[in-house]
């Protein structure tokens, strides 16, 4: 805990109290000579050493840093803000999606994966076969910005490859993969 004192700090506080009490007692003797006896008794009560409650209050009020500086607690005040003006959003659902229609996305189709060492990669040449983790005819994964969103099968359209989407990943599954 930051509020606990070590024995050296406690000894220093007790020595400080004793010095202050001795100085106050000397002042009380001078006052006692000049003032009536009942007022001297009141001054002696004021010079009493700190009670444990007083020590706890002093420790709680200021914390001592390693350099000996006293750090005060920050002043915290309530803050009030002016009310924000009302914003009228469009009611049309189509207007909301129109804002996103022109955002570019990176779509990747993953046929499979393979792990190879650098030596094996350097040995690859024209005609080499790289075995993937999937078999022929298995569905491929469709990734959008690196997130798995669908599965499909490879098709050839006019000598170009394409993907026929056969399954769209549920939103719950997408959230699970995003969290992992």
N, C-alpha and C. Protein backbone atom coordinates (compact mmCIF):
# COMPACT_ATOMS: atom_id res chain seq x y z
N UNK A 1 0.84 -1.19 0.00
CA UNK A 1 0.00 0.00 0.00
C UNK A 1 0.87 1.24 0.00
N UNK A 2 0.43 2.28 -0.67
CA UNK A 2 1.19 3.52 -0.76
C UNK A 2 1.08 4.32 0.53
N UNK A 3 0.03 4.09 1.39
CA UNK A 3 -0.20 4.88 2.59
C UNK A 3 0.59 4.36 3.78
N UNK A 4 1.22 3.19 3.70
CA UNK A 4 1.96 2.63 4.82
C UNK A 4 3.32 3.31 4.91
N UNK A 5 3.79 3.51 6.18
CA UNK A 5 5.09 4.11 6.42
C UNK A 5 6.05 3.04 6.90
N UNK A 6 7.33 3.18 6.55
CA UNK A 6 8.30 2.23 7.07
C UNK A 6 8.75 2.71 8.44
N UNK A 7 9.43 1.89 9.23
CA UNK A 7 9.83 2.27 10.60
C UNK A 7 10.67 3.53 10.66
N UNK A 8 11.54 3.78 9.68
CA UNK A 8 12.36 5.00 9.70
C UNK A 8 11.50 6.25 9.59
N UNK A 9 10.47 6.19 8.74
CA UNK A 9 9.58 7.35 8.59
C UNK A 9 8.77 7.58 9.87
N UNK A 10 8.36 6.51 10.53
CA UNK A 10 7.61 6.65 11.80
C UNK A 10 8.51 7.27 12.86
N UNK A 11 9.78 6.79 12.97
CA UNK A 11 10.72 7.36 13.94
C UNK A 11 10.95 8.84 13.66
N UNK A 12 11.05 9.23 12.37
CA UNK A 12 11.26 10.63 12.03
C UNK A 12 10.05 11.48 12.43
N UNK A 13 8.82 10.96 12.23
CA UNK A 13 7.63 11.70 12.65
C UNK A 13 7.58 11.86 14.17
N UNK A 14 7.94 10.82 14.92
CA UNK A 14 7.93 10.89 16.39
C UNK A 14 8.96 11.89 16.87
N UNK A 15 10.16 11.89 16.23
CA UNK A 15 11.20 12.85 16.63
C UNK A 15 10.75 14.28 16.33
N UNK A 16 10.07 14.47 15.20
CA UNK A 16 9.57 15.80 14.85
C UNK A 16 8.52 16.26 15.86
N UNK A 17 7.65 15.34 16.27
CA UNK A 17 6.64 15.67 17.27
C UNK A 17 7.29 16.06 18.60
N UNK A 18 8.32 15.32 18.99
CA UNK A 18 9.00 15.60 20.26
C UNK A 18 9.66 16.97 20.22
N UNK A 19 10.29 17.31 19.08
CA UNK A 19 10.94 18.61 18.95
C UNK A 19 9.90 19.74 18.99
N UNK A 20 8.78 19.54 18.31
CA UNK A 20 7.72 20.55 18.32
C UNK A 20 7.12 20.68 19.72
N UNK A 21 6.96 19.55 20.39
CA UNK A 21 6.41 19.59 21.75
C UNK A 21 7.37 20.30 22.70
N UNK A 22 8.69 20.06 22.54
CA UNK A 22 9.68 20.72 23.40
C UNK A 22 9.68 22.22 23.14
N UNK A 23 9.61 22.62 21.88
CA UNK A 23 9.56 24.05 21.56
C UNK A 23 8.28 24.69 22.07
N UNK A 24 7.17 23.99 21.96
CA UNK A 24 5.90 24.50 22.46
C UNK A 24 5.91 24.58 23.98
N UNK A 25 6.57 23.61 24.63
CA UNK A 25 6.63 23.61 26.10
C UNK A 25 7.43 24.81 26.58
N UNK A 26 8.53 25.15 25.90
CA UNK A 26 9.33 26.32 26.28
C UNK A 26 8.51 27.59 26.09
N UNK A 27 7.76 27.68 25.02
CA UNK A 27 6.88 28.83 24.80
C UNK A 27 5.81 28.90 25.86
N UNK A 28 5.30 27.72 26.26
CA UNK A 28 4.24 27.69 27.28
C UNK A 28 4.77 28.19 28.62
N UNK A 29 6.04 27.92 28.93
CA UNK A 29 6.58 28.39 30.21
C UNK A 29 6.64 29.91 30.23
N UNK A 30 7.02 30.51 29.10
CA UNK A 30 7.08 31.97 29.03
C UNK A 30 5.68 32.53 29.16
N UNK A 31 4.72 31.93 28.49
CA UNK A 31 3.35 32.39 28.55
C UNK A 31 2.81 32.20 29.96
N UNK A 32 3.20 31.11 30.61
CA UNK A 32 2.70 30.82 31.95
C UNK A 32 3.13 31.89 32.94
N UNK A 33 4.31 32.44 32.76
CA UNK A 33 4.77 33.48 33.65
C UNK A 33 3.99 34.76 33.46
N UNK A 34 3.59 35.05 32.24
CA UNK A 34 2.92 36.31 31.95
C UNK A 34 1.41 36.23 32.10
N UNK A 35 0.86 35.01 31.94
CA UNK A 35 -0.58 34.86 31.92
C UNK A 35 -1.00 34.07 33.15
N UNK A 36 -2.24 34.12 33.47
CA UNK A 36 -2.75 33.41 34.63
C UNK A 36 -2.56 31.90 34.47
N UNK A 37 -2.58 31.17 35.60
CA UNK A 37 -2.30 29.74 35.60
C UNK A 37 -3.28 28.94 34.75
N UNK A 38 -4.55 29.34 34.68
CA UNK A 38 -5.53 28.56 33.91
C UNK A 38 -5.27 28.63 32.41
N UNK A 39 -4.74 29.75 31.91
CA UNK A 39 -4.45 29.84 30.48
C UNK A 39 -3.21 29.02 30.13
N UNK A 40 -2.27 28.87 31.05
CA UNK A 40 -1.08 28.05 30.81
C UNK A 40 -1.48 26.58 30.67
N UNK A 41 -2.47 26.13 31.40
CA UNK A 41 -2.95 24.75 31.29
C UNK A 41 -3.55 24.48 29.92
N UNK A 42 -4.28 25.47 29.36
CA UNK A 42 -4.84 25.31 28.02
C UNK A 42 -3.75 25.21 26.97
N UNK A 43 -2.68 26.00 27.09
CA UNK A 43 -1.59 25.98 26.12
C UNK A 43 -0.85 24.65 26.18
N UNK A 44 -0.72 24.05 27.36
CA UNK A 44 -0.05 22.76 27.49
C UNK A 44 -0.84 21.67 26.77
N UNK A 45 -2.18 21.78 26.78
CA UNK A 45 -3.00 20.81 26.07
C UNK A 45 -2.76 20.89 24.57
N UNK A 46 -2.53 22.12 24.04
CA UNK A 46 -2.29 22.30 22.61
C UNK A 46 -0.96 21.69 22.17
N UNK A 47 0.03 21.60 23.08
CA UNK A 47 1.35 21.12 22.74
C UNK A 47 1.47 19.59 22.84
N UNK A 48 0.39 18.88 23.12
CA UNK A 48 0.44 17.43 23.25
C UNK A 48 0.85 16.80 21.92
N UNK A 49 1.58 15.67 21.96
CA UNK A 49 1.99 15.01 20.71
C UNK A 49 0.77 14.55 19.91
N UNK A 50 0.99 14.26 18.64
CA UNK A 50 -0.09 13.83 17.75
C UNK A 50 -0.69 12.51 18.24
N UNK A 51 -1.98 12.43 18.13
CA UNK A 51 -2.66 11.17 18.44
C UNK A 51 -2.56 10.25 17.22
N UNK A 52 -2.81 8.96 17.39
CA UNK A 52 -2.78 8.07 16.21
C UNK A 52 -3.75 8.51 15.11
N UNK A 53 -4.90 9.08 15.51
CA UNK A 53 -5.85 9.58 14.51
C UNK A 53 -5.26 10.76 13.73
N UNK A 54 -4.53 11.65 14.46
CA UNK A 54 -3.89 12.78 13.78
C UNK A 54 -2.82 12.30 12.80
N UNK A 55 -2.03 11.28 13.22
CA UNK A 55 -1.01 10.73 12.32
C UNK A 55 -1.64 10.14 11.07
N UNK A 56 -2.73 9.39 11.24
CA UNK A 56 -3.40 8.77 10.09
C UNK A 56 -3.93 9.85 9.15
N UNK A 57 -4.46 10.94 9.71
CA UNK A 57 -4.98 12.04 8.89
C UNK A 57 -3.85 12.72 8.12
N UNK A 58 -2.70 12.93 8.77
CA UNK A 58 -1.56 13.54 8.09
C UNK A 58 -1.04 12.65 6.97
N UNK A 59 -0.97 11.35 7.24
CA UNK A 59 -0.50 10.41 6.23
C UNK A 59 -1.46 10.38 5.05
N UNK A 60 -2.74 10.38 5.32
CA UNK A 60 -3.74 10.35 4.25
C UNK A 60 -3.78 11.64 3.46
N UNK A 61 -3.50 12.79 4.10
CA UNK A 61 -3.60 14.08 3.43
C UNK A 61 -2.45 14.30 2.44
N UNK A 62 -1.27 13.81 2.75
CA UNK A 62 -0.13 14.02 1.85
C UNK A 62 0.67 12.74 1.75
N UNK A 63 1.09 12.41 0.56
CA UNK A 63 1.90 11.22 0.34
C UNK A 63 3.32 11.68 0.10
N UNK A 64 4.28 10.96 0.68
CA UNK A 64 5.69 11.33 0.53
C UNK A 64 6.30 10.57 -0.63
N UNK A 65 7.02 11.28 -1.51
CA UNK A 65 7.69 10.65 -2.64
C UNK A 65 9.11 10.29 -2.22
N UNK A 66 9.84 9.48 -3.01
CA UNK A 66 11.21 9.11 -2.66
C UNK A 66 12.15 10.31 -2.50
N UNK A 67 11.90 11.40 -3.20
CA UNK A 67 12.78 12.56 -3.08
C UNK A 67 12.43 13.42 -1.88
N UNK A 68 11.39 13.05 -1.14
CA UNK A 68 11.01 13.80 0.04
C UNK A 68 10.00 14.88 -0.23
N UNK A 69 9.59 15.05 -1.46
CA UNK A 69 8.60 16.07 -1.79
C UNK A 69 7.22 15.60 -1.38
N UNK A 70 6.38 16.51 -1.00
CA UNK A 70 5.02 16.19 -0.63
C UNK A 70 4.13 16.39 -1.83
N UNK A 71 3.34 15.37 -2.17
CA UNK A 71 2.45 15.43 -3.32
C UNK A 71 1.03 15.53 -2.80
N UNK A 72 0.33 16.55 -3.18
CA UNK A 72 -1.05 16.75 -2.76
C UNK A 72 -1.99 15.98 -3.68
N UNK A 73 -3.13 15.59 -3.15
CA UNK A 73 -4.15 14.91 -3.95
C UNK A 73 -4.70 15.90 -4.98
N UNK A 74 -5.03 15.44 -6.19
CA UNK A 74 -5.57 16.36 -7.21
C UNK A 74 -6.96 16.85 -6.84
N UNK A 75 -7.25 18.05 -7.26
CA UNK A 75 -8.56 18.64 -7.03
C UNK A 75 -9.50 18.16 -8.12
N UNK A 76 -10.59 17.55 -7.74
CA UNK A 76 -11.55 17.02 -8.70
C UNK A 76 -12.84 17.81 -8.57
N UNK A 77 -13.26 18.36 -9.69
CA UNK A 77 -14.49 19.16 -9.69
C UNK A 77 -15.46 18.58 -10.70
N UNK A 78 -16.74 18.81 -10.46
CA UNK A 78 -17.76 18.38 -11.41
C UNK A 78 -17.71 19.28 -12.63
N UNK A 79 -17.93 18.68 -13.79
CA UNK A 79 -17.91 19.42 -15.04
C UNK A 79 -19.28 19.31 -15.67
N UNK A 80 -19.76 20.40 -16.19
CA UNK A 80 -21.06 20.36 -16.88
C UNK A 80 -20.84 20.81 -18.32
N UNK A 81 -21.49 20.11 -19.23
CA UNK A 81 -21.38 20.41 -20.65
C UNK A 81 -22.72 20.92 -21.16
N UNK A 82 -22.64 21.74 -22.19
CA UNK A 82 -23.87 22.23 -22.82
C UNK A 82 -24.52 21.09 -23.59
N UNK A 83 -25.82 21.12 -23.69
CA UNK A 83 -26.54 20.08 -24.43
C UNK A 83 -26.18 20.16 -25.91
N UNK A 84 -26.04 18.97 -26.51
CA UNK A 84 -25.74 18.91 -27.94
C UNK A 84 -27.02 19.11 -28.73
N UNK A 85 -26.93 19.77 -29.89
CA UNK A 85 -28.14 19.95 -30.70
C UNK A 85 -28.59 18.61 -31.26
N UNK A 86 -29.87 18.47 -31.48
CA UNK A 86 -30.43 17.24 -32.03
C UNK A 86 -29.98 17.06 -33.47
N UNK A 87 -29.68 15.81 -33.84
CA UNK A 87 -29.27 15.48 -35.19
C UNK A 87 -30.39 14.66 -35.81
N UNK A 88 -30.82 15.08 -36.97
CA UNK A 88 -31.90 14.37 -37.65
C UNK A 88 -31.30 13.42 -38.67
N UNK A 89 -31.34 12.12 -38.38
CA UNK A 89 -30.79 11.10 -39.27
C UNK A 89 -31.83 10.74 -40.31
N UNK A 90 -31.37 10.33 -41.50
CA UNK A 90 -32.36 9.94 -42.52
C UNK A 90 -33.11 8.69 -42.09
N UNK A 91 -34.37 8.67 -42.37
CA UNK A 91 -35.21 7.54 -42.00
C UNK A 91 -35.03 6.40 -42.99
N UNK A 92 -34.69 6.73 -44.22
CA UNK A 92 -34.56 5.74 -45.28
C UNK A 92 -33.36 4.82 -45.01
N UNK A 93 -33.57 3.51 -44.92
CA UNK A 93 -32.51 2.53 -44.70
C UNK A 93 -31.53 2.51 -45.88
N UNK A 94 -32.02 2.73 -47.07
CA UNK A 94 -31.17 2.71 -48.26
C UNK A 94 -30.13 3.82 -48.20
N UNK A 95 -30.47 4.96 -47.62
CA UNK A 95 -29.54 6.08 -47.54
C UNK A 95 -28.34 5.72 -46.67
N UNK A 96 -28.54 4.90 -45.63
CA UNK A 96 -27.44 4.51 -44.75
C UNK A 96 -26.42 3.65 -45.49
N UNK A 97 -26.89 2.69 -46.29
CA UNK A 97 -25.98 1.79 -46.99
C UNK A 97 -25.31 2.48 -48.17
N UNK A 98 -25.93 3.51 -48.73
CA UNK A 98 -25.33 4.22 -49.86
C UNK A 98 -23.97 4.83 -49.50
N UNK A 99 -23.78 5.16 -48.23
CA UNK A 99 -22.51 5.73 -47.80
C UNK A 99 -21.38 4.71 -47.92
N UNK A 100 -21.69 3.43 -47.84
CA UNK A 100 -20.67 2.39 -47.84
C UNK A 100 -20.47 1.70 -49.18
N UNK A 101 -21.32 1.97 -50.13
CA UNK A 101 -21.27 1.21 -51.37
C UNK A 101 -19.97 1.37 -52.15
N UNK A 102 -19.29 2.48 -52.03
CA UNK A 102 -18.07 2.71 -52.80
C UNK A 102 -16.79 2.42 -52.02
N UNK A 103 -16.90 1.76 -50.86
CA UNK A 103 -15.72 1.42 -50.07
C UNK A 103 -15.07 0.18 -50.69
N UNK A 104 -13.79 0.26 -51.08
CA UNK A 104 -13.13 -0.91 -51.69
C UNK A 104 -12.81 -1.98 -50.65
N UNK A 105 -12.97 -3.26 -51.01
CA UNK A 105 -12.67 -4.39 -50.14
C UNK A 105 -11.75 -5.35 -50.89
N UNK A 106 -10.87 -6.00 -50.16
CA UNK A 106 -9.95 -6.98 -50.73
C UNK A 106 -10.56 -8.37 -50.57
N UNK A 107 -10.91 -9.02 -51.68
CA UNK A 107 -11.49 -10.36 -51.64
C UNK A 107 -10.42 -11.36 -52.04
N UNK A 108 -10.24 -12.39 -51.21
CA UNK A 108 -9.24 -13.42 -51.45
C UNK A 108 -9.92 -14.77 -51.42
N UNK A 109 -9.55 -15.65 -52.34
CA UNK A 109 -10.05 -17.02 -52.35
C UNK A 109 -8.88 -17.92 -51.98
N UNK A 110 -9.05 -18.69 -50.93
CA UNK A 110 -7.98 -19.55 -50.44
C UNK A 110 -8.23 -20.98 -50.88
N UNK A 111 -7.40 -21.46 -51.79
CA UNK A 111 -7.53 -22.83 -52.28
C UNK A 111 -7.00 -23.83 -51.27
N UNK A 112 -6.04 -23.44 -50.48
CA UNK A 112 -5.43 -24.32 -49.49
C UNK A 112 -4.18 -23.68 -48.95
N UNK A 113 -3.50 -24.39 -48.07
CA UNK A 113 -2.29 -23.87 -47.46
C UNK A 113 -1.21 -24.93 -47.50
N UNK A 114 0.02 -24.48 -47.38
CA UNK A 114 1.16 -25.40 -47.31
C UNK A 114 2.26 -24.74 -46.50
N UNK A 115 2.97 -25.53 -45.71
CA UNK A 115 4.12 -25.03 -44.96
C UNK A 115 5.37 -25.68 -45.54
N UNK A 116 6.33 -24.85 -45.88
CA UNK A 116 7.58 -25.33 -46.46
C UNK A 116 8.73 -24.55 -45.84
N UNK A 117 9.91 -25.17 -45.83
CA UNK A 117 11.10 -24.48 -45.37
C UNK A 117 11.64 -23.61 -46.50
N UNK A 118 12.55 -22.73 -46.17
CA UNK A 118 13.16 -21.88 -47.19
C UNK A 118 13.90 -22.74 -48.21
N UNK A 119 14.57 -23.80 -47.75
CA UNK A 119 15.29 -24.69 -48.66
C UNK A 119 14.33 -25.30 -49.68
N UNK A 120 13.15 -25.76 -49.22
CA UNK A 120 12.17 -26.37 -50.12
C UNK A 120 11.63 -25.34 -51.11
N UNK A 121 11.42 -24.11 -50.67
CA UNK A 121 10.94 -23.06 -51.58
C UNK A 121 11.98 -22.73 -52.64
N UNK A 122 13.25 -22.72 -52.27
CA UNK A 122 14.31 -22.42 -53.24
C UNK A 122 14.48 -23.54 -54.26
N UNK A 123 14.09 -24.75 -53.88
CA UNK A 123 14.18 -25.89 -54.80
C UNK A 123 13.02 -25.94 -55.80
N UNK A 124 11.97 -25.11 -55.60
CA UNK A 124 10.84 -25.10 -56.52
C UNK A 124 11.27 -24.55 -57.88
N UNK A 125 10.75 -25.12 -58.89
CA UNK A 125 11.04 -24.65 -60.24
C UNK A 125 9.82 -24.84 -61.11
N UNK A 126 9.95 -24.50 -62.37
CA UNK A 126 8.84 -24.66 -63.30
C UNK A 126 8.46 -26.14 -63.38
N UNK A 127 7.18 -26.42 -63.20
CA UNK A 127 6.68 -27.78 -63.23
C UNK A 127 6.63 -28.45 -61.87
N UNK A 128 7.16 -27.79 -60.81
CA UNK A 128 7.10 -28.36 -59.46
C UNK A 128 5.66 -28.38 -58.98
N UNK A 129 5.35 -29.33 -58.14
CA UNK A 129 4.00 -29.43 -57.57
C UNK A 129 4.06 -29.09 -56.09
N UNK A 130 3.19 -28.20 -55.67
CA UNK A 130 3.10 -27.78 -54.28
C UNK A 130 1.81 -28.36 -53.72
N UNK A 131 1.92 -29.33 -52.83
CA UNK A 131 0.74 -29.99 -52.27
C UNK A 131 0.09 -29.09 -51.22
N UNK A 132 -1.22 -28.89 -51.33
CA UNK A 132 -1.97 -28.03 -50.42
C UNK A 132 -2.72 -28.88 -49.40
N UNK A 133 -3.28 -28.22 -48.39
CA UNK A 133 -3.99 -28.92 -47.32
C UNK A 133 -5.37 -29.40 -47.74
N UNK A 134 -5.84 -29.01 -48.91
CA UNK A 134 -7.17 -29.41 -49.37
C UNK A 134 -7.07 -30.35 -50.56
N UNK A 135 -8.14 -31.13 -50.73
CA UNK A 135 -8.21 -32.07 -51.85
C UNK A 135 -9.03 -31.46 -52.97
N UNK A 136 -8.90 -32.01 -54.15
CA UNK A 136 -9.67 -31.53 -55.31
C UNK A 136 -11.15 -31.72 -55.03
N UNK A 137 -11.96 -30.73 -55.39
CA UNK A 137 -13.41 -30.81 -55.20
C UNK A 137 -13.88 -30.27 -53.86
N UNK A 138 -12.97 -30.02 -52.91
CA UNK A 138 -13.38 -29.45 -51.62
C UNK A 138 -13.71 -27.98 -51.81
N UNK A 139 -14.63 -27.46 -50.98
CA UNK A 139 -14.94 -26.03 -51.10
C UNK A 139 -13.74 -25.17 -50.73
N UNK A 140 -13.65 -24.00 -51.34
CA UNK A 140 -12.58 -23.04 -51.05
C UNK A 140 -13.14 -21.96 -50.13
N UNK A 141 -12.26 -21.29 -49.40
CA UNK A 141 -12.68 -20.24 -48.48
C UNK A 141 -12.64 -18.89 -49.18
N UNK A 142 -13.66 -18.07 -48.93
CA UNK A 142 -13.70 -16.70 -49.45
C UNK A 142 -13.46 -15.78 -48.27
N UNK A 143 -12.41 -14.95 -48.39
CA UNK A 143 -12.03 -14.02 -47.33
C UNK A 143 -12.23 -12.60 -47.82
N UNK A 144 -12.78 -11.75 -46.98
CA UNK A 144 -12.91 -10.33 -47.28
C UNK A 144 -12.10 -9.58 -46.23
N UNK A 145 -11.09 -8.85 -46.70
CA UNK A 145 -10.16 -8.15 -45.82
C UNK A 145 -9.61 -9.07 -44.73
N UNK A 146 -9.34 -10.32 -45.13
CA UNK A 146 -8.73 -11.28 -44.21
C UNK A 146 -9.71 -12.02 -43.32
N UNK A 147 -11.01 -11.70 -43.38
CA UNK A 147 -12.01 -12.36 -42.55
C UNK A 147 -12.78 -13.37 -43.38
N UNK A 148 -12.91 -14.59 -42.87
CA UNK A 148 -13.60 -15.67 -43.56
C UNK A 148 -15.10 -15.38 -43.56
N UNK A 149 -15.70 -15.23 -44.76
CA UNK A 149 -17.13 -14.90 -44.81
C UNK A 149 -17.96 -15.92 -45.58
N UNK A 150 -17.31 -16.76 -46.42
CA UNK A 150 -18.10 -17.71 -47.22
C UNK A 150 -17.23 -18.87 -47.68
N UNK A 151 -17.92 -19.92 -48.22
CA UNK A 151 -17.25 -21.04 -48.88
C UNK A 151 -17.87 -21.17 -50.26
N UNK A 152 -17.08 -21.68 -51.18
CA UNK A 152 -17.60 -21.84 -52.53
C UNK A 152 -16.82 -22.88 -53.29
N UNK A 153 -17.20 -23.05 -54.56
CA UNK A 153 -16.50 -23.99 -55.42
C UNK A 153 -15.96 -23.26 -56.63
N UNK A 154 -14.84 -23.74 -57.12
CA UNK A 154 -14.17 -23.10 -58.25
C UNK A 154 -14.90 -23.47 -59.53
N UNK A 155 -15.15 -22.47 -60.38
CA UNK A 155 -15.77 -22.69 -61.69
C UNK A 155 -14.93 -21.97 -62.74
N UNK A 156 -15.04 -22.42 -63.98
CA UNK A 156 -14.33 -21.78 -65.09
C UNK A 156 -15.37 -21.12 -65.97
N UNK A 157 -15.18 -19.80 -66.20
CA UNK A 157 -16.11 -19.02 -67.03
C UNK A 157 -15.27 -18.36 -68.12
N UNK A 158 -15.48 -18.77 -69.36
CA UNK A 158 -14.74 -18.19 -70.50
C UNK A 158 -13.24 -18.19 -70.25
N UNK A 159 -12.70 -19.30 -69.85
CA UNK A 159 -11.28 -19.49 -69.58
C UNK A 159 -10.77 -18.68 -68.40
N UNK A 160 -11.67 -18.15 -67.56
CA UNK A 160 -11.29 -17.45 -66.33
C UNK A 160 -11.85 -18.23 -65.14
N UNK A 161 -11.11 -18.21 -64.05
CA UNK A 161 -11.60 -18.85 -62.83
C UNK A 161 -12.61 -17.96 -62.14
N UNK A 162 -13.55 -18.57 -61.47
CA UNK A 162 -14.54 -17.85 -60.68
C UNK A 162 -14.91 -18.71 -59.48
N UNK A 163 -15.73 -18.16 -58.60
CA UNK A 163 -16.17 -18.88 -57.41
C UNK A 163 -17.69 -18.82 -57.36
N UNK A 164 -18.30 -19.98 -57.20
CA UNK A 164 -19.74 -20.04 -56.94
C UNK A 164 -19.89 -20.19 -55.44
N UNK A 165 -20.53 -19.21 -54.81
CA UNK A 165 -20.70 -19.23 -53.35
C UNK A 165 -21.74 -20.29 -53.00
N UNK A 166 -21.35 -21.22 -52.15
CA UNK A 166 -22.25 -22.31 -51.75
C UNK A 166 -22.72 -22.16 -50.30
N UNK A 167 -21.97 -21.41 -49.51
CA UNK A 167 -22.33 -21.27 -48.09
C UNK A 167 -21.79 -19.93 -47.58
N UNK A 168 -22.63 -19.18 -46.90
CA UNK A 168 -22.20 -17.93 -46.27
C UNK A 168 -22.05 -18.20 -44.78
N UNK A 169 -20.93 -17.80 -44.22
CA UNK A 169 -20.66 -18.03 -42.81
C UNK A 169 -21.62 -17.18 -41.97
N UNK A 170 -22.19 -17.77 -40.93
CA UNK A 170 -23.16 -17.05 -40.09
C UNK A 170 -22.46 -15.91 -39.35
N UNK A 171 -23.22 -14.86 -39.01
CA UNK A 171 -22.61 -13.74 -38.27
C UNK A 171 -21.98 -14.19 -36.95
N UNK A 172 -22.57 -15.17 -36.27
CA UNK A 172 -22.00 -15.64 -35.00
C UNK A 172 -20.64 -16.28 -35.23
N UNK A 173 -20.52 -17.08 -36.31
CA UNK A 173 -19.22 -17.70 -36.61
C UNK A 173 -18.19 -16.65 -37.02
N UNK A 174 -18.62 -15.62 -37.75
CA UNK A 174 -17.70 -14.55 -38.13
C UNK A 174 -17.17 -13.83 -36.90
N UNK A 175 -18.05 -13.59 -35.92
CA UNK A 175 -17.61 -12.93 -34.69
C UNK A 175 -16.62 -13.80 -33.93
N UNK A 176 -16.86 -15.12 -33.91
CA UNK A 176 -15.94 -16.02 -33.22
C UNK A 176 -14.56 -15.98 -33.86
N UNK A 177 -14.50 -15.96 -35.19
CA UNK A 177 -13.19 -15.94 -35.86
C UNK A 177 -12.51 -14.58 -35.69
N UNK A 178 -13.28 -13.52 -35.58
CA UNK A 178 -12.68 -12.19 -35.36
C UNK A 178 -12.07 -12.10 -33.97
N UNK A 179 -12.71 -12.75 -32.98
CA UNK A 179 -12.22 -12.70 -31.62
C UNK A 179 -10.97 -13.55 -31.43
N UNK A 180 -10.78 -14.55 -32.27
CA UNK A 180 -9.62 -15.44 -32.10
C UNK A 180 -8.36 -14.82 -32.59
